[in-house]
Amino acid sequence: MLRYGVNVQPETGHNKETVWPIDWEHPLENDFAIAEEVTIKGIHKKRPDIVLYVNGIALGVLELKRSTVSISEGIRQNLDNQKHIFIKPFFSTIQYVMAGNDIEGLAYGAIETREKYFMKWKEVSEEINKNDFHLLQLTKPIRDRAAKYDYPLDKKHRGVAPQGTLY
């Protein structure tokens, strides 16, 4: 659905058309949103710390832990949330599952990735990756666009937003 689109018939008697929920050819034309502590009803309610949306479709979920708690706890929490007894249907569109804290940084995987296969997130910058021309070239448009904005996600810079607020 996300990559190949969805065939829909707009009206009876009309041919089917392919609709792409995400504009892959023009990524900046999509709508991006971040929501904090979204309550998801399943057999048991769960509240992921951060959910990342593209065009209203949940694509990423992030569990944040304080610095005294290992990101392994966040990874296990994400894995538990994917079980049938919690909120498994919510993960049907999720592409990235992440956990992080101030000390260990961020780790990520796809849905149902076992903890030992989670990867460490690596920042991309000309200072850190100066010899990785392809990575720098691939990420340049989004890094340039991000540099134009001064909207840190750190609450101490923006004031605390109410739970469930979309950005």
Protein backbone atom coordinates (compact mmCIF):
# COMPACT_ATOMS: atom_id res chain seq x y z
CA MET A 1 0.00 0.00 0.00
CA LEU A 2 2.64 2.57 1.00
CA ARG A 3 5.07 1.82 -1.79
CA TYR A 4 2.90 0.63 -4.66
CA GLY A 5 -0.28 2.58 -4.00
CA VAL A 6 -3.87 1.43 -3.75
CA ASN A 7 -6.19 0.66 -6.65
CA VAL A 8 -9.50 2.45 -6.22
CA GLN A 9 -12.53 2.84 -8.42
CA PRO A 10 -13.70 6.44 -8.04
CA GLU A 11 -17.23 5.74 -9.32
CA THR A 12 -19.21 2.85 -10.71
CA GLY A 13 -18.40 2.41 -14.37
CA HIS A 14 -15.05 4.19 -14.16
CA ASN A 15 -11.66 2.51 -14.47
CA LYS A 16 -9.62 1.87 -11.39
CA GLU A 17 -6.91 4.39 -10.54
CA THR A 18 -3.80 3.99 -8.42
CA VAL A 19 -3.69 6.35 -5.45
CA TRP A 20 -0.43 6.81 -3.55
CA PRO A 21 -0.92 7.67 0.13
CA ILE A 22 2.64 9.08 0.16
CA ASP A 23 4.18 11.17 -2.62
CA TRP A 24 7.53 9.40 -3.06
CA GLU A 25 8.53 11.46 -6.10
CA HIS A 26 8.04 14.78 -4.28
CA PRO A 27 8.66 13.98 -0.60
CA LEU A 28 8.42 17.59 0.54
CA GLU A 29 4.82 17.73 -0.75
CA ASN A 30 3.73 15.34 2.02
CA ASP A 31 2.38 16.47 5.39
CA PHE A 32 4.58 15.52 8.35
CA ALA A 33 3.38 15.52 11.94
CA ILE A 34 4.61 14.45 15.37
CA ALA A 35 2.27 13.56 18.22
CA GLU A 36 3.18 12.98 21.85
CA GLU A 37 1.63 10.29 24.04
CA VAL A 38 -1.05 9.15 21.62
CA THR A 39 -3.52 6.85 23.39
CA ILE A 40 -4.21 3.77 21.29
CA LYS A 41 -7.06 1.49 22.21
CA GLY A 42 -6.51 -2.23 21.82
CA ILE A 43 -7.25 -5.11 24.13
CA HIS A 44 -5.24 -2.99 26.57
CA LYS A 45 -4.66 0.74 26.01
CA LYS A 46 -1.10 1.87 25.32
CA ARG A 47 0.46 5.29 24.95
CA PRO A 48 3.66 5.47 22.84
CA ASP A 49 5.79 8.50 23.72
CA ILE A 50 6.05 9.85 20.16
CA VAL A 51 4.33 8.84 16.92
CA LEU A 52 5.59 10.11 13.56
CA TYR A 53 2.99 10.63 10.83
CA VAL A 54 3.21 11.23 7.10
CA ASN A 55 -0.10 12.28 5.52
CA GLY A 56 -1.90 11.06 8.63
CA ILE A 57 -0.36 7.57 8.39
CA ALA A 58 1.65 6.44 11.42
CA LEU A 59 5.10 5.48 10.13
CA GLY A 60 7.27 5.62 13.23
CA VAL A 61 6.97 5.12 16.95
CA LEU A 62 9.51 6.22 19.54
CA GLU A 63 9.82 5.30 23.21
CA LEU A 64 11.94 7.70 25.22
CA LYS A 65 13.54 6.78 28.53
CA ARG A 66 15.23 8.95 31.15
CA SER A 67 19.00 8.69 31.24
CA THR A 68 18.99 6.23 34.17
CA VAL A 69 16.88 3.72 32.20
CA SER A 70 18.46 1.71 29.37
CA ILE A 71 17.04 2.03 25.87
CA SER A 72 16.65 -1.75 26.04
CA GLU A 73 13.58 -1.05 28.20
CA GLY A 74 12.12 1.10 25.42
CA ILE A 75 12.87 -1.57 22.81
CA ARG A 76 11.17 -4.24 24.92
CA GLN A 77 8.21 -1.92 25.53
CA ASN A 78 7.84 -1.46 21.75
CA LEU A 79 8.06 -5.22 21.22
CA ASP A 80 5.42 -5.84 23.89
CA ASN A 81 3.15 -3.23 22.31
CA GLN A 82 3.26 -5.22 19.05
CA LYS A 83 1.72 -8.26 20.71
CA HIS A 84 -1.92 -9.16 20.08
CA ILE A 85 -2.89 -8.48 23.71
CA PHE A 86 -1.82 -4.84 23.35
CA ILE A 87 -1.98 -2.70 20.18
CA LYS A 88 -0.76 -4.93 17.33
CA PRO A 89 -3.12 -3.45 14.67
CA PHE A 90 -1.59 0.00 15.25
CA PHE A 91 1.74 -1.33 13.91
CA SER A 92 0.29 -2.28 10.50
CA THR A 93 1.68 0.90 8.89
CA ILE A 94 4.69 1.47 11.18
CA GLN A 95 8.03 1.32 9.35
CA TYR A 96 10.39 2.38 12.15
CA VAL A 97 10.34 1.40 15.79
CA MET A 98 12.73 3.44 17.92
CA ALA A 99 13.90 3.80 21.50
CA GLY A 100 16.29 6.31 23.01
CA ASN A 101 17.63 8.26 25.95
CA ASP A 102 20.13 11.07 26.59
CA ILE A 103 23.07 8.76 27.32
CA GLU A 104 22.78 5.87 24.84
CA GLY A 105 21.27 7.83 21.96
CA LEU A 106 18.70 6.26 19.65
CA ALA A 107 18.27 2.72 18.36
CA TYR A 108 15.88 1.66 15.61
CA GLY A 109 14.46 -1.35 13.85
CA ALA A 110 11.47 -2.42 11.78
CA ILE A 111 8.36 -3.96 13.34
CA GLU A 112 8.97 -7.27 15.11
CA THR A 113 12.77 -6.75 14.99
CA ARG A 114 14.33 -8.61 17.90
CA GLU A 115 16.20 -6.43 20.37
CA LYS A 116 19.66 -7.70 19.44
CA TYR A 117 19.13 -6.55 15.82
CA PHE A 118 18.27 -2.94 16.61
CA MET A 119 20.77 -0.51 15.07
CA LYS A 120 22.30 2.63 16.58
CA TRP A 121 21.11 5.83 14.91
CA LYS A 122 23.95 7.75 13.30
CA GLU A 123 23.85 11.48 12.75
CA VAL A 124 24.75 12.70 9.29
CA SER A 125 26.87 15.82 8.98
CA GLU A 126 29.78 17.05 6.94
CA GLU A 127 31.95 17.05 10.07
CA ILE A 128 31.14 13.47 11.12
CA ASN A 129 30.83 11.83 7.68
CA LYS A 130 33.31 13.87 5.61
CA ASN A 131 34.52 10.78 3.69
CA ASP A 132 31.07 9.38 2.93
CA PHE A 133 30.26 11.37 -0.22
CA HIS A 134 27.21 9.27 -1.21
CA LEU A 135 25.54 9.61 2.22
CA LEU A 136 26.19 13.35 2.30
CA GLN A 137 24.84 13.79 -1.22
CA LEU A 138 21.74 11.69 -0.51
CA THR A 139 20.86 13.61 2.66
CA LYS A 140 21.85 17.12 1.53
CA PRO A 141 18.36 18.37 0.48
CA ILE A 142 16.73 17.42 3.78
CA ARG A 143 19.71 18.66 5.85
CA ASP A 144 19.61 22.00 4.01
CA ARG A 145 15.87 22.34 4.57
CA ALA A 146 16.15 21.38 8.26
CA ALA A 147 18.91 23.96 8.79
CA LYS A 148 16.47 26.75 7.82
CA TYR A 149 14.20 26.03 10.78
CA ASP A 150 14.78 26.75 14.43
CA TYR A 151 12.21 24.38 15.96
CA PRO A 152 14.00 22.15 18.44
CA LEU A 153 11.95 19.23 19.73
CA ASP A 154 13.38 19.79 23.19
CA LYS A 155 10.47 20.91 25.42
CA LYS A 156 12.65 23.26 27.46
CA HIS A 157 13.02 25.44 24.36
CA ARG A 158 9.37 25.43 23.31
CA GLY A 159 7.31 25.07 26.44
CA VAL A 160 5.50 21.89 27.34
CA ALA A 161 2.80 20.95 24.85
CA PRO A 162 -0.37 19.18 25.98
CA GLN A 163 -0.52 15.41 25.54
CA GLY A 164 -1.61 14.30 22.08
CA THR A 165 -0.66 17.63 20.44
CA LEU A 166 0.19 17.41 16.74
CA TYR A 167 3.11 19.43 15.43
